[in-house]
C-alpha atoms as a PDB file:
ATOM      1  CA  MET A   1      22.998  -4.569 -37.194  1.00  0.00           C
ATOM      2  CA  THR A   2      25.289  -4.399 -34.178  1.00  0.00           C
ATOM      3  CA  ASP A   3      27.654  -7.225 -33.337  1.00  0.00           C
ATOM      4  CA  TYR A   4      28.069  -8.151 -29.681  1.00  0.00           C
ATOM      5  CA  LYS A   5      30.618 -10.446 -28.100  1.00  0.00           C
ATOM      6  CA  ALA A   6      28.952 -13.061 -25.892  1.00  0.00           C
ATOM      7  CA  ILE A   7      30.878 -13.910 -22.724  1.00  0.00           C
ATOM      8  CA  ALA A   8      28.573 -16.745 -21.621  1.00  0.00           C
ATOM      9  CA  GLU A   9      25.449 -18.389 -23.050  1.00  0.00           C
ATOM     10  CA  SER A  10      22.773 -20.656 -21.629  1.00  0.00           C
ATOM     11  CA  ASN A  11      19.280 -21.749 -22.628  1.00  0.00           C
ATOM     12  CA  ASN A  12      17.925 -19.032 -20.310  1.00  0.00           C
ATOM     13  CA  PHE A  13      20.343 -16.126 -20.748  1.00  0.00           C
ATOM     14  CA  ILE A  14      23.262 -14.537 -22.619  1.00  0.00           C
ATOM     15  CA  ILE A  15      25.936 -12.361 -21.002  1.00  0.00           C
ATOM     16  CA  LEU A  16      27.396  -9.746 -23.340  1.00  0.00           C
ATOM     17  CA  ASP A  17      30.687  -7.884 -22.954  1.00  0.00           C
ATOM     18  CA  LYS A  18      29.011  -4.588 -23.918  1.00  0.00           C
ATOM     19  CA  TYR A  19      25.447  -3.496 -24.579  1.00  0.00           C
ATOM     20  CA  SER A  20      24.149  -0.086 -25.609  1.00  0.00           C
ATOM     21  CA  LYS A  21      20.439   0.473 -25.231  1.00  0.00           C
ATOM     22  CA  LYS A  22      18.886   2.478 -28.018  1.00  0.00           C
ATOM     23  CA  LEU A  23      16.469   5.044 -26.657  1.00  0.00           C
ATOM     24  CA  ARG A  24      13.074   5.083 -28.291  1.00  0.00           C
ATOM     25  CA  VAL A  25      11.039   8.164 -27.543  1.00  0.00           C
ATOM     26  CA  LYS A  26       7.323   8.213 -28.256  1.00  0.00           C
ATOM     27  CA  GLU A  27       6.007  11.544 -29.419  1.00  0.00           C
ATOM     28  CA  SER A  28       2.632  10.945 -27.807  1.00  0.00           C
ATOM     29  CA  TYR A  29       0.792   8.559 -25.520  1.00  0.00           C
ATOM     30  CA  GLN A  30      -1.066   5.571 -26.917  1.00  0.00           C
ATOM     31  CA  SER A  31      -4.819   5.619 -26.587  1.00  0.00           C
ATOM     32  CA  GLU A  32      -6.626   2.812 -24.794  1.00  0.00           C
ATOM     33  CA  TYR A  33      -7.797   1.573 -28.198  1.00  0.00           C
ATOM     34  CA  ASP A  34      -4.221   1.497 -29.536  1.00  0.00           C
ATOM     35  CA  LEU A  35      -2.944  -0.353 -26.444  1.00  0.00           C
ATOM     36  CA  GLU A  36      -5.758  -2.890 -26.666  1.00  0.00           C
ATOM     37  CA  SER A  37      -5.201  -3.431 -30.409  1.00  0.00           C
ATOM     38  CA  GLU A  38      -1.471  -3.980 -29.879  1.00  0.00           C
ATOM     39  CA  PHE A  39      -2.186  -6.401 -27.021  1.00  0.00           C
ATOM     40  CA  ILE A  40      -4.643  -8.390 -29.178  1.00  0.00           C
ATOM     41  CA  GLN A  41      -2.101  -8.579 -32.023  1.00  0.00           C
ATOM     42  CA  ASP A  42       0.572  -9.841 -29.600  1.00  0.00           C
ATOM     43  CA  LEU A  43      -1.802 -12.577 -28.390  1.00  0.00           C
ATOM     44  CA  ILE A  44      -2.708 -13.573 -31.957  1.00  0.00           C
ATOM     45  CA  GLN A  45       1.004 -13.870 -32.807  1.00  0.00           C
ATOM     46  CA  GLN A  46       1.379 -16.174 -29.794  1.00  0.00           C
ATOM     47  CA  GLY A  47      -1.297 -18.485 -31.203  1.00  0.00           C
ATOM     48  CA  TYR A  48      -4.443 -17.252 -29.481  1.00  0.00           C
ATOM     49  CA  GLU A  49      -7.623 -16.943 -31.512  1.00  0.00           C
ATOM     50  CA  TYR A  50      -9.474 -13.623 -31.606  1.00  0.00           C
ATOM     51  CA  LEU A  51     -13.242 -13.866 -31.249  1.00  0.00           C
ATOM     52  CA  PRO A  52     -14.871 -10.450 -31.626  1.00  0.00           C
ATOM     53  CA  MET A  53     -17.716  -9.569 -29.300  1.00  0.00           C
ATOM     54  CA  SER A  54     -21.154 -10.098 -30.767  1.00  0.00           C
ATOM     55  CA  PRO A  55     -23.688  -7.332 -30.124  1.00  0.00           C
ATOM     56  CA  THR A  56     -26.337  -9.995 -29.531  1.00  0.00           C
ATOM     57  CA  LEU A  57     -24.405 -11.652 -26.670  1.00  0.00           C
ATOM     58  CA  LYS A  58     -25.203 -10.455 -23.168  1.00  0.00           C
ATOM     59  CA  PRO A  59     -22.841 -10.770 -20.207  1.00  0.00           C
ATOM     60  CA  CYS A  60     -23.658 -13.461 -17.649  1.00  0.00           C
END
């Protein structure tokens, strides 16, 4: 874990004296399925309920 020295703090932001961004390189692109699955998991973690599509339901 890296320690940073905060210069100023607020409820909406923190100003640091130094920040080094760690580069994360993906070795391949995500498929549409992978992107959608990650998006659904993010929504579930935020409190949304996942209701899978039923094959018997027809669009309006």
